N, C-alpha and C. Protein backbone atom coordinates (compact mmCIF):
# COMPACT_ATOMS: atom_id res chain seq x y z
N UNK A 1 -14.51 5.30 14.08
CA UNK A 1 -13.47 5.18 12.85
C UNK A 1 -13.93 5.47 11.52
N UNK A 2 -13.54 6.19 10.71
CA UNK A 2 -13.92 6.22 9.40
C UNK A 2 -13.31 5.21 8.61
N UNK A 3 -13.90 4.98 7.60
CA UNK A 3 -13.39 3.91 6.64
C UNK A 3 -13.15 4.73 5.28
N UNK A 4 -12.26 4.87 4.87
CA UNK A 4 -12.16 5.39 3.46
C UNK A 4 -11.61 4.14 2.35
N UNK A 5 -12.65 3.50 1.93
CA UNK A 5 -12.67 2.15 1.55
C UNK A 5 -11.14 2.33 0.53
N UNK A 6 -10.09 1.97 0.69
CA UNK A 6 -8.97 2.35 0.28
C UNK A 6 -7.74 2.17 0.90
N UNK A 7 -7.80 2.73 2.11
CA UNK A 7 -6.76 2.84 2.93
C UNK A 7 -6.59 1.65 3.80
N UNK A 8 -6.49 1.41 3.74
CA UNK A 8 -6.08 0.52 4.29
C UNK A 8 -5.34 0.05 3.96
N UNK A 9 2.24 -0.87 3.53
CA UNK A 9 1.79 -1.56 2.28
C UNK A 9 1.84 -1.65 3.08
N UNK A 10 11.26 -3.38 3.32
CA UNK A 10 11.41 -3.32 4.02
C UNK A 10 12.49 -3.66 4.50
N UNK A 11 15.70 -4.34 5.62
CA UNK A 11 16.59 -4.93 4.51
C UNK A 11 16.00 -6.44 4.08
N UNK A 12 16.31 -6.56 2.73
CA UNK A 12 15.51 -8.16 2.19
C UNK A 12 16.75 -8.54 1.30
N UNK A 13 16.48 -9.77 0.85
CA UNK A 13 17.03 -10.31 -0.11
C UNK A 13 16.59 -9.74 -1.29
N UNK A 14 17.14 -9.31 -2.19
CA UNK A 14 16.86 -8.59 -3.32
C UNK A 14 16.68 -9.47 -4.57
N UNK A 15 15.70 -9.24 -5.46
CA UNK A 15 15.55 -10.13 -6.60
C UNK A 15 15.93 -9.43 -7.88
N UNK A 16 17.13 -9.56 -8.40
CA UNK A 16 17.43 -8.66 -9.51
C UNK A 16 17.51 -9.73 -10.89
N UNK A 17 17.80 -9.06 -11.92
CA UNK A 17 17.71 -10.12 -13.08
C UNK A 17 18.86 -11.19 -12.95
N UNK A 18 19.90 -11.04 -12.18
CA UNK A 18 20.86 -11.87 -11.90
C UNK A 18 20.47 -13.10 -10.70
N UNK A 19 19.66 -12.52 -10.18
CA UNK A 19 19.21 -13.53 -8.87
C UNK A 19 18.10 -13.98 -9.07
N UNK A 20 17.87 -15.47 -9.05
CA UNK A 20 16.55 -16.16 -9.34
C UNK A 20 15.25 -15.45 -8.42
N UNK A 21 14.23 -15.63 -9.07
CA UNK A 21 13.13 -15.01 -8.53
C UNK A 21 12.58 -16.15 -7.49
N UNK A 22 11.89 -15.81 -6.27
CA UNK A 22 11.43 -16.80 -5.36
C UNK A 22 10.78 -17.81 -6.06
N UNK A 23 10.87 -18.82 -5.54
CA UNK A 23 9.97 -20.31 -5.95
C UNK A 23 8.78 -19.86 -6.30
N UNK A 24 8.10 -20.39 -7.46
CA UNK A 24 6.87 -19.91 -7.74
C UNK A 24 6.58 -18.89 -8.78
N UNK A 25 7.47 -18.13 -8.61
CA UNK A 25 7.58 -16.81 -9.53
C UNK A 25 7.77 -17.27 -10.98
N UNK A 26 6.76 -16.84 -12.00
CA UNK A 26 6.80 -16.86 -13.31
C UNK A 26 7.85 -15.66 -13.55
N UNK A 27 9.15 -16.25 -14.08
CA UNK A 27 10.12 -15.29 -14.40
C UNK A 27 9.53 -14.02 -15.29
N UNK A 28 8.96 -14.24 -16.35
CA UNK A 28 8.75 -13.18 -17.09
C UNK A 28 7.73 -12.09 -16.42
N UNK A 29 6.53 -12.82 -15.68
CA UNK A 29 5.74 -11.72 -15.26
C UNK A 29 6.02 -11.12 -13.95
N UNK A 30 7.04 -11.99 -13.04
CA UNK A 30 7.60 -11.49 -11.72
C UNK A 30 8.59 -10.41 -12.09
N UNK A 31 9.28 -10.28 -13.12
CA UNK A 31 10.31 -9.15 -13.17
C UNK A 31 10.09 -8.01 -12.64
N UNK A 32 9.27 -7.01 -13.30
CA UNK A 32 8.78 -6.01 -12.85
C UNK A 32 8.29 -5.72 -11.40
N UNK A 33 7.56 -6.61 -10.86
CA UNK A 33 7.03 -6.95 -9.49
C UNK A 33 8.03 -6.99 -8.57
N UNK A 34 9.16 -7.82 -8.82
CA UNK A 34 10.24 -8.06 -8.26
C UNK A 34 11.25 -6.78 -8.12
N UNK A 35 11.50 -6.17 -9.10
CA UNK A 35 11.92 -4.70 -8.99
C UNK A 35 11.35 -3.82 -8.22
N UNK A 36 10.15 -3.65 -8.54
CA UNK A 36 9.10 -2.91 -7.76
C UNK A 36 9.19 -3.19 -6.08
N UNK A 37 9.06 -4.39 -5.95
CA UNK A 37 9.33 -4.76 -4.43
C UNK A 37 10.62 -4.50 -3.95
N UNK A 38 11.80 -4.51 -4.85
CA UNK A 38 13.13 -4.11 -4.20
C UNK A 38 13.07 -2.85 -3.92
N UNK A 39 12.63 -1.84 -4.93
CA UNK A 39 12.39 -0.28 -4.68
C UNK A 39 11.86 0.06 -3.28
N UNK A 40 10.74 -0.72 -2.78
CA UNK A 40 10.23 -0.30 -1.54
C UNK A 40 10.90 -1.04 -0.70
N UNK A 41 11.85 -2.05 -0.62
CA UNK A 41 12.50 -2.60 0.28
C UNK A 41 13.76 -1.76 0.54
N UNK A 42 14.41 -0.91 -0.35
CA UNK A 42 15.30 0.06 -0.32
C UNK A 42 15.03 1.16 0.63
N UNK A 43 13.76 1.60 0.92
CA UNK A 43 13.19 2.43 1.83
C UNK A 43 13.19 2.02 3.20
N UNK A 44 13.43 0.75 3.52
CA UNK A 44 13.38 0.16 4.82
C UNK A 44 13.83 0.82 6.12
N UNK A 45 13.33 1.20 7.07
CA UNK A 45 13.63 1.97 8.16
C UNK A 45 13.49 3.25 8.00
N UNK A 46 12.81 4.05 7.12
CA UNK A 46 12.71 5.33 7.00
C UNK A 46 11.16 5.73 6.74
N UNK A 47 11.04 7.03 7.31
CA UNK A 47 9.52 7.48 6.96
C UNK A 47 9.85 8.68 6.14
N UNK A 48 8.50 9.15 5.64
CA UNK A 48 8.68 10.14 4.79
C UNK A 48 7.09 10.85 4.59
N UNK A 49 7.05 12.10 4.63
CA UNK A 49 5.80 13.08 4.83
C UNK A 49 5.32 13.12 3.48
N UNK A 50 3.97 13.16 3.49
CA UNK A 50 3.10 13.22 2.27
C UNK A 50 1.99 14.03 2.31
N UNK A 51 1.43 14.29 1.27
CA UNK A 51 0.31 15.20 1.23
C UNK A 51 -0.95 14.71 0.13
N UNK A 52 -1.87 14.89 0.52
CA UNK A 52 -3.23 14.71 -0.52
C UNK A 52 -3.04 15.28 -1.64
N UNK A 53 -3.17 14.67 -3.04
CA UNK A 53 -3.00 15.58 -4.08
C UNK A 53 -4.44 15.38 -5.09
N UNK A 54 -5.28 14.54 -4.62
CA UNK A 54 -6.30 14.47 -5.16
C UNK A 54 -7.54 15.33 -4.35
N UNK A 55 -8.65 15.59 -5.18
CA UNK A 55 -9.55 16.52 -4.57
C UNK A 55 -10.93 16.09 -4.39
N UNK A 56 -11.25 14.74 -4.31
CA UNK A 56 -12.64 14.28 -4.08
C UNK A 56 -13.14 14.96 -2.55
N UNK A 57 -14.39 15.13 -3.06
CA UNK A 57 -14.95 15.69 -1.68
C UNK A 57 -15.21 14.82 -0.56
N UNK A 58 -15.20 13.45 -0.83
CA UNK A 58 -15.13 12.34 0.41
C UNK A 58 -13.88 12.75 1.35
N UNK A 59 -12.87 13.20 1.00
CA UNK A 59 -11.77 13.27 1.63
C UNK A 59 -11.44 14.92 2.07
N UNK A 60 -12.22 15.66 2.20
CA UNK A 60 -12.11 17.01 2.40
C UNK A 60 -11.47 16.90 3.87
N UNK A 61 -12.05 16.36 4.89
CA UNK A 61 -11.61 16.37 6.26
C UNK A 61 -10.05 16.20 6.28
N UNK A 62 -9.63 15.19 5.51
CA UNK A 62 -8.25 14.79 5.82
C UNK A 62 -7.25 15.89 4.90
N UNK A 63 -7.64 16.66 3.88
CA UNK A 63 -6.76 17.45 3.03
C UNK A 63 -5.76 18.47 3.81
N UNK A 64 -6.29 18.64 4.99
CA UNK A 64 -5.06 19.69 5.48
C UNK A 64 -4.22 18.91 6.53
N UNK A 65 -4.53 17.45 6.59
CA UNK A 65 -3.96 16.61 7.84
C UNK A 65 -2.48 16.28 7.27
N UNK A 66 -1.37 16.36 8.35
CA UNK A 66 -0.12 15.74 8.03
C UNK A 66 -0.25 14.23 7.69
N UNK A 67 0.49 13.70 6.67
CA UNK A 67 0.49 12.71 6.57
C UNK A 67 2.14 11.92 6.49
N UNK A 68 2.00 10.64 6.92
CA UNK A 68 3.51 10.09 6.96
C UNK A 68 3.37 8.48 6.76
N UNK A 69 4.03 8.01 5.75
CA UNK A 69 4.26 6.78 5.59
C UNK A 69 5.75 6.15 6.20
N UNK A 70 5.53 4.91 6.76
CA UNK A 70 6.65 4.55 7.70
C UNK A 70 7.03 3.03 7.32
N UNK A 71 7.99 3.05 6.51
CA UNK A 71 8.39 1.83 5.78
C UNK A 71 9.16 0.96 6.90
N UNK A 72 8.30 0.32 7.96
CA UNK A 72 8.61 -0.21 9.18
C UNK A 72 9.37 -1.60 9.27
N UNK A 73 8.87 -2.46 8.65
CA UNK A 73 9.28 -3.85 8.96
C UNK A 73 9.48 -4.37 7.23
N UNK A 74 10.66 -5.17 7.30
CA UNK A 74 10.75 -5.79 5.83
C UNK A 74 11.27 -7.26 6.16
N UNK A 75 10.56 -8.12 5.04
CA UNK A 75 11.29 -9.66 5.09
C UNK A 75 11.34 -9.81 3.90
N UNK A 76 12.00 -10.82 3.38
CA UNK A 76 12.33 -11.41 2.01
C UNK A 76 10.99 -11.30 1.11
N UNK A 77 9.77 -11.68 2.08
CA UNK A 77 8.46 -11.80 0.98
C UNK A 77 7.24 -10.64 1.75
N UNK A 78 7.84 -9.74 2.40
CA UNK A 78 6.64 -8.99 3.13
C UNK A 78 7.06 -7.65 3.52
N UNK A 79 6.40 -6.51 3.18
CA UNK A 79 6.90 -5.28 3.67
C UNK A 79 5.54 -4.68 4.25
N UNK A 80 5.78 -4.05 5.35
CA UNK A 80 4.62 -3.51 6.08
C UNK A 80 4.90 -1.79 6.33
N UNK A 81 3.91 -1.10 5.83
CA UNK A 81 3.95 0.23 5.88
C UNK A 81 2.83 0.88 6.52
N UNK A 82 3.00 1.37 7.90
CA UNK A 82 2.03 2.06 8.42
C UNK A 82 1.81 3.46 8.01
N UNK A 83 0.50 3.92 7.73
CA UNK A 83 0.34 5.38 7.12
C UNK A 83 -0.59 6.01 8.14
N UNK A 84 -0.08 6.85 8.48
CA UNK A 84 -0.66 7.84 9.44
C UNK A 84 -1.14 8.98 8.90
N UNK A 85 -2.36 9.38 8.92
CA UNK A 85 -3.19 10.56 8.86
C UNK A 85 -3.52 11.50 10.06
N UNK A 86 -2.71 12.41 10.13
CA UNK A 86 -2.81 13.17 11.43
C UNK A 86 -2.57 12.33 12.76
N UNK A 87 -3.50 12.29 13.59
CA UNK A 87 -3.32 11.42 14.83
C UNK A 87 -3.67 10.05 14.70
N UNK A 88 -4.56 9.85 13.56
CA UNK A 88 -5.03 8.43 12.98
C UNK A 88 -3.79 7.55 12.60
N UNK A 89 -3.71 6.66 13.34
CA UNK A 89 -2.64 5.58 13.26
C UNK A 89 -3.23 4.23 12.86
N UNK A 90 -4.22 4.19 12.37
CA UNK A 90 -5.17 2.80 12.22
C UNK A 90 -4.78 2.05 11.13
N UNK A 91 -3.79 2.64 10.00
CA UNK A 91 -3.92 1.90 8.75
C UNK A 91 -2.23 1.60 8.53
N UNK A 92 -2.29 -0.10 7.91
CA UNK A 92 -1.10 -0.46 7.63
C UNK A 92 -0.95 -0.93 6.30
N UNK A 93 -0.33 -0.54 5.32
CA UNK A 93 -0.05 -1.35 3.95
C UNK A 93 0.75 -2.49 4.02
N UNK A 94 0.37 -3.69 3.47
CA UNK A 94 1.20 -4.66 3.34
C UNK A 94 1.47 -5.17 2.21
N UNK A 95 2.58 -5.28 1.68
CA UNK A 95 2.74 -5.71 0.46
C UNK A 95 3.30 -7.27 0.62
N UNK A 96 2.92 -8.01 -0.27
CA UNK A 96 3.84 -9.39 -0.04
C UNK A 96 3.91 -9.74 -1.36
N UNK A 97 4.65 -11.00 -1.58
CA UNK A 97 5.21 -11.60 -2.98
C UNK A 97 3.85 -12.65 -3.15
N UNK A 98 3.52 -12.72 -4.32
CA UNK A 98 2.75 -14.23 -4.94
C UNK A 98 3.65 -14.84 -5.68
N UNK A 99 2.81 -15.92 -6.24
CA UNK A 99 3.54 -16.67 -7.49
C UNK A 99 3.90 -15.87 -8.66
N UNK A 100 2.81 -15.10 -8.80
CA UNK A 100 2.89 -14.48 -10.14
C UNK A 100 3.01 -12.86 -9.91
N UNK A 101 3.21 -12.34 -8.65
CA UNK A 101 3.28 -11.01 -8.47
C UNK A 101 3.45 -10.40 -7.23
N UNK A 102 2.53 -9.45 -7.16
CA UNK A 102 2.53 -9.08 -5.58
C UNK A 102 1.12 -8.74 -4.95
N UNK A 103 0.75 -8.74 -4.04
CA UNK A 103 -0.38 -8.60 -3.10
C UNK A 103 -0.32 -7.38 -2.42
N UNK A 104 -1.50 -6.41 -2.21
CA UNK A 104 -1.59 -5.42 -1.20
C UNK A 104 -2.92 -5.62 -0.63
N UNK A 105 -2.45 -5.57 0.88
CA UNK A 105 -3.60 -5.91 1.91
C UNK A 105 -3.66 -4.46 2.81
N UNK A 106 -4.68 -4.14 3.17
CA UNK A 106 -4.83 -2.86 4.31
C UNK A 106 -5.29 -3.62 5.62
N UNK A 107 -4.33 -3.41 6.53
CA UNK A 107 -4.56 -3.77 8.02
C UNK A 107 -5.05 -2.69 8.63
N UNK A 108 -6.45 -2.70 9.15
CA UNK A 108 -6.92 -1.73 9.78
C UNK A 108 -7.01 -2.13 11.63
N UNK A 109 -6.78 -1.26 12.24
CA UNK A 109 -6.66 -1.60 13.64
C UNK A 109 -7.42 -0.47 14.74
N UNK A 110 -8.07 -0.91 15.51
CA UNK A 110 -8.30 0.21 16.52
C UNK A 110 -7.28 0.67 17.49
N UNK A 111 -7.81 1.69 18.22
CA UNK A 111 -6.56 2.05 19.07
C UNK A 111 -6.07 1.15 20.25
N UNK A 112 -6.80 0.03 20.35
CA UNK A 112 -6.29 -0.91 21.42
C UNK A 112 -5.67 -2.06 20.83
N UNK A 113 -5.48 -1.80 19.48
CA UNK A 113 -4.79 -2.67 18.43
C UNK A 113 -5.55 -3.99 17.87
N UNK A 114 -6.92 -4.04 18.34
CA UNK A 114 -7.77 -4.90 18.08
C UNK A 114 -8.01 -4.74 16.65
N UNK A 115 -8.39 -5.81 15.62
CA UNK A 115 -8.75 -5.49 14.20
C UNK A 115 -10.04 -4.98 13.97
N UNK A 116 -10.06 -4.10 13.00
CA UNK A 116 -11.16 -3.58 12.64
C UNK A 116 -12.12 -4.50 11.75
N UNK A 117 -13.48 -4.26 11.80
CA UNK A 117 -14.38 -5.18 10.99
C UNK A 117 -13.78 -5.06 9.40
N UNK A 118 -13.47 -3.81 9.04
CA UNK A 118 -13.21 -3.76 7.86
C UNK A 118 -11.54 -3.69 7.61
N UNK A 119 -10.97 -4.93 7.35
CA UNK A 119 -9.77 -4.89 7.39
C UNK A 119 -9.13 -6.11 6.45
N UNK A 120 -7.98 -6.12 6.38
CA UNK A 120 -7.24 -7.16 5.37
C UNK A 120 -8.03 -6.93 3.80
N UNK A 121 -8.39 -6.01 3.43
CA UNK A 121 -8.96 -6.11 2.10
C UNK A 121 -7.79 -5.28 1.13
N UNK A 122 -7.74 -5.72 -0.35
CA UNK A 122 -6.93 -5.63 -1.03
C UNK A 122 -6.93 -6.48 -2.15
N UNK A 123 -5.93 -6.71 -2.84
CA UNK A 123 -6.22 -7.53 -4.06
C UNK A 123 -4.64 -7.93 -4.67
N UNK A 124 -4.66 -8.80 -5.68
CA UNK A 124 -3.22 -9.17 -6.24
C UNK A 124 -3.10 -8.62 -7.49
N UNK A 125 -1.84 -8.25 -7.75
CA UNK A 125 -1.83 -7.82 -9.36
C UNK A 125 -2.24 -8.86 -10.52
N UNK A 126 -2.60 -8.11 -11.50
CA UNK A 126 -3.18 -9.24 -12.61
C UNK A 126 -2.68 -9.06 -13.90
N UNK A 127 -1.55 -7.91 -13.68
CA UNK A 127 -0.59 -7.70 -14.78
C UNK A 127 0.70 -7.48 -14.37
N UNK A 128 1.58 -7.50 -15.31
CA UNK A 128 2.83 -7.34 -15.08
C UNK A 128 3.33 -5.97 -14.45
N UNK A 129 2.61 -4.81 -14.80
CA UNK A 129 3.01 -3.76 -14.12
C UNK A 129 4.21 -3.18 -14.71
N UNK A 130 4.81 -2.47 -13.80
CA UNK A 130 6.25 -1.94 -13.94
C UNK A 130 7.36 -1.76 -12.72
N UNK A 131 8.46 -1.64 -12.93
CA UNK A 131 9.09 -1.54 -11.83
C UNK A 131 8.72 0.07 -10.94
N UNK A 132 8.20 0.79 -11.59
CA UNK A 132 7.61 2.05 -10.99
C UNK A 132 6.29 1.90 -10.36
N UNK A 133 5.56 1.08 -11.13
CA UNK A 133 3.90 1.27 -10.80
C UNK A 133 3.17 -0.15 -10.83
N UNK A 134 2.57 -0.57 -9.68
CA UNK A 134 1.90 -1.99 -9.72
C UNK A 134 0.45 -1.66 -9.16
N UNK A 135 -0.78 -2.18 -9.84
CA UNK A 135 -2.19 -1.91 -9.68
C UNK A 135 -2.58 -3.18 -9.08
N UNK A 136 -3.69 -2.97 -8.11
CA UNK A 136 -4.19 -4.11 -7.33
C UNK A 136 -5.72 -4.04 -7.26
N UNK A 137 -6.50 -4.71 -8.12
CA UNK A 137 -7.68 -4.82 -8.21
C UNK A 137 -8.33 -5.40 -7.01
N UNK A 138 -9.56 -5.12 -6.33
CA UNK A 138 -10.20 -5.76 -5.45
C UNK A 138 -10.35 -7.27 -5.72
N UNK A 139 -9.84 -8.02 -4.64
CA UNK A 139 -10.17 -9.52 -4.67
C UNK A 139 -11.34 -10.11 -4.35
N UNK A 140 -11.64 -11.23 -4.50
CA UNK A 140 -12.90 -11.84 -4.16
C UNK A 140 -13.42 -11.68 -2.65
N UNK A 141 -12.09 -12.04 -1.54
CA UNK A 141 -12.13 -11.71 -0.29
C UNK A 141 -12.90 -10.37 0.05
N UNK A 142 -12.10 -9.33 -0.62
CA UNK A 142 -12.31 -7.79 -0.26
C UNK A 142 -13.77 -7.49 -1.11
N UNK A 143 -14.16 -8.11 -1.99
CA UNK A 143 -15.63 -7.92 -2.53
C UNK A 143 -16.66 -8.35 -1.53
N UNK A 144 -16.37 -9.75 -0.93
CA UNK A 144 -17.33 -10.23 -0.23
C UNK A 144 -17.44 -9.29 1.15
N UNK A 145 -16.31 -8.96 1.68
CA UNK A 145 -16.14 -8.13 2.98
C UNK A 145 -16.84 -6.71 2.58
N UNK A 146 -16.77 -6.17 1.51
CA UNK A 146 -17.31 -4.81 1.22
C UNK A 146 -18.73 -4.86 1.34
N UNK A 147 -19.45 -6.01 0.64
CA UNK A 147 -20.72 -6.42 0.56
C UNK A 147 -21.47 -6.59 1.91
N UNK A 148 -20.84 -7.57 2.61
CA UNK A 148 -21.35 -7.61 3.91
C UNK A 148 -21.26 -6.50 4.80
N UNK A 149 -20.31 -5.38 4.78
CA UNK A 149 -20.41 -4.19 5.53
C UNK A 149 -20.83 -3.01 4.85
N UNK A 150 -21.76 -3.28 4.09
CA UNK A 150 -22.51 -2.13 3.31
C UNK A 150 -21.66 -1.24 2.42
N UNK A 151 -20.60 -1.81 1.97
CA UNK A 151 -19.66 -0.75 1.08
C UNK A 151 -19.67 -1.40 -0.40
N UNK A 152 -20.80 -1.78 -0.73
CA UNK A 152 -20.82 -2.50 -2.19
C UNK A 152 -20.08 -1.70 -3.30
N UNK A 153 -20.02 -0.45 -3.17
CA UNK A 153 -19.65 0.60 -4.05
C UNK A 153 -18.05 0.26 -4.04
N UNK A 154 -17.53 -0.18 -3.18
CA UNK A 154 -16.04 -0.24 -3.11
C UNK A 154 -15.48 -1.80 -3.49
N UNK A 155 -16.59 -2.43 -4.31
CA UNK A 155 -16.05 -3.88 -5.00
C UNK A 155 -15.49 -3.42 -6.30
N UNK A 156 -15.59 -2.43 -6.77
CA UNK A 156 -14.79 -1.99 -7.80
C UNK A 156 -13.48 -1.38 -7.92
N UNK A 157 -13.13 -1.29 -6.41
CA UNK A 157 -11.80 -0.39 -6.21
C UNK A 157 -10.57 -1.26 -6.91
N UNK A 158 -9.65 -0.50 -7.33
CA UNK A 158 -8.35 -0.49 -7.77
C UNK A 158 -7.45 0.18 -7.10
N UNK A 159 -6.60 -0.26 -6.70
CA UNK A 159 -5.32 0.60 -5.62
C UNK A 159 -4.07 0.52 -6.57
N UNK A 160 -3.53 1.33 -6.28
CA UNK A 160 -2.06 1.26 -6.95
C UNK A 160 -1.02 1.97 -6.08
N UNK A 161 0.03 1.72 -6.43
CA UNK A 161 1.48 2.06 -5.54
C UNK A 161 2.41 2.64 -6.92
N UNK A 162 3.09 3.64 -6.49
CA UNK A 162 4.27 4.07 -7.69
C UNK A 162 5.52 4.30 -6.63
N UNK A 163 6.59 4.10 -7.12
CA UNK A 163 7.82 4.33 -6.55
C UNK A 163 8.76 4.98 -7.47
N UNK A 164 9.40 6.13 -7.19
CA UNK A 164 10.33 6.52 -8.12
C UNK A 164 11.52 6.87 -7.01
N UNK A 165 12.52 6.30 -7.43
CA UNK A 165 13.74 5.97 -6.13
C UNK A 165 13.97 7.39 -5.94
N UNK A 166 14.39 7.74 -4.77
CA UNK A 166 15.07 9.18 -4.43
C UNK A 166 14.09 10.55 -4.87
N UNK A 167 12.76 10.08 -5.14
CA UNK A 167 11.88 11.20 -5.67
C UNK A 167 10.43 11.28 -4.80
N UNK A 168 9.57 10.16 -5.25
CA UNK A 168 8.42 10.19 -4.83
C UNK A 168 7.71 8.62 -4.70
N UNK A 169 6.94 8.56 -3.58
CA UNK A 169 6.18 7.40 -3.51
C UNK A 169 4.67 8.14 -3.72
N UNK A 170 3.79 6.92 -4.09
CA UNK A 170 2.33 7.40 -4.37
C UNK A 170 1.42 6.18 -4.07
N UNK A 171 0.39 6.41 -3.57
CA UNK A 171 -0.70 5.49 -3.04
C UNK A 171 -1.80 6.03 -3.67
N UNK A 172 -2.57 5.29 -4.58
CA UNK A 172 -4.06 5.55 -4.80
C UNK A 172 -5.02 4.63 -4.85
N UNK A 173 -6.35 5.15 -5.09
CA UNK A 173 -7.53 4.46 -5.15
C UNK A 173 -8.21 4.78 -6.01
N UNK A 174 -8.84 3.95 -6.90
CA UNK A 174 -9.62 4.62 -8.33
C UNK A 174 -10.72 3.67 -8.48
N UNK A 175 -11.80 4.27 -8.69
CA UNK A 175 -13.03 3.33 -9.23
C UNK A 175 -13.93 4.55 -9.79
N UNK A 176 -14.98 3.96 -10.62
CA UNK A 176 -15.89 4.93 -10.99
C UNK A 176 -16.49 6.14 -10.10
N UNK A 177 -16.12 7.36 -10.33
CA UNK A 177 -16.56 8.55 -9.78
C UNK A 177 -15.80 8.64 -8.18
N UNK A 178 -14.66 8.08 -8.12
CA UNK A 178 -13.80 8.00 -6.95
C UNK A 178 -12.46 7.91 -7.33
N UNK A 179 -11.49 8.91 -6.67
CA UNK A 179 -10.19 8.84 -6.88
C UNK A 179 -9.50 9.62 -5.55
N UNK A 180 -8.55 8.92 -5.02
CA UNK A 180 -7.90 9.25 -3.75
C UNK A 180 -6.49 9.02 -4.29
N UNK A 181 -5.75 9.76 -3.89
CA UNK A 181 -4.09 9.88 -4.26
C UNK A 181 -3.30 10.77 -3.12
N UNK A 182 -2.14 10.11 -2.65
CA UNK A 182 -1.28 10.80 -1.88
C UNK A 182 0.05 10.70 -2.23
N UNK A 183 0.71 11.62 -2.45
CA UNK A 183 2.31 11.39 -2.64
C UNK A 183 3.11 12.01 -1.61
N UNK A 184 4.33 11.14 -1.46
CA UNK A 184 5.09 11.40 -0.50
C UNK A 184 6.64 11.55 -1.17
N UNK A 185 7.29 12.66 -0.27
CA UNK A 185 8.70 13.18 -0.83
C UNK A 185 9.85 12.10 -0.44
N UNK A 186 10.35 11.34 -1.11
CA UNK A 186 11.46 10.43 -0.82
C UNK A 186 12.87 10.88 -0.63
N UNK A 187 12.68 12.13 -1.22
CA UNK A 187 14.23 12.97 -1.29
C UNK A 187 14.65 13.26 0.23
N UNK A 188 13.49 13.68 1.14
CA UNK A 188 13.81 14.07 2.58
C UNK A 188 13.19 13.07 3.55
N UNK A 189 13.86 12.11 4.14
CA UNK A 189 13.12 11.52 5.15
C UNK A 189 12.69 12.27 6.36
N UNK A 190 11.72 11.72 7.25
CA UNK A 190 11.54 12.55 8.25
C UNK A 190 11.73 11.55 9.55
N UNK A 191 11.46 12.11 10.64
CA UNK A 191 11.60 11.42 11.92
C UNK A 191 10.65 10.27 11.85
N UNK A 192 11.31 9.37 12.21
CA UNK A 192 10.48 7.78 12.32
C UNK A 192 9.30 7.83 13.50
N UNK A 193 8.07 7.68 13.08
CA UNK A 193 7.05 7.81 13.87
C UNK A 193 6.78 6.82 14.99
N UNK A 194 6.16 6.97 16.11
CA UNK A 194 6.05 5.76 17.01
C UNK A 194 4.89 5.15 16.78
N UNK A 195 4.92 3.93 16.04
CA UNK A 195 3.68 3.29 15.48
C UNK A 195 3.29 2.59 16.89
N UNK A 196 1.97 2.34 16.94
CA UNK A 196 1.27 1.93 18.11
C UNK A 196 1.28 0.29 18.04
N UNK A 197 1.43 -0.57 16.89
CA UNK A 197 1.75 -2.00 16.80
C UNK A 197 2.43 -2.28 15.82
């Protein structure tokens, strides 16, 4: 299985300005993150088609592949989004609340459901971001994982997600000399895929 050190997020109780943030949230910092989380949760149960919009040579093999994100499971504190590229259903984005914002992790699985050696990488937000865009620099766990697995260049990864309700969702990875971005059409849901796990 190839690793694109990037790839590797639902109804719930919403957090609005009138509703207190979950325990531990610093109100000023959490407000944009909570709104972003709510925007994602509004997509729960639906799937959307997407396409690669970046042009890095590293992604040439997936450029023409169909892409689908499925906002599959949601709870008050976690959203799971399987991300399919062609027949490859090994990736799930996991977005969860933290005391100060949000966390993104990439859950990578083999066809039998066992966890890949390069899995659970990602990071926490370190700035407030906005209701539309949140960024996740690689955390210490991810940096150690990348070093151990011979992917040291990925220690500089910064992932981002954007959601524009009714219009588009985007996922991206950026570091020096590396850019990956896929965009999904939120205006037209597609058939819900059959996720393997």
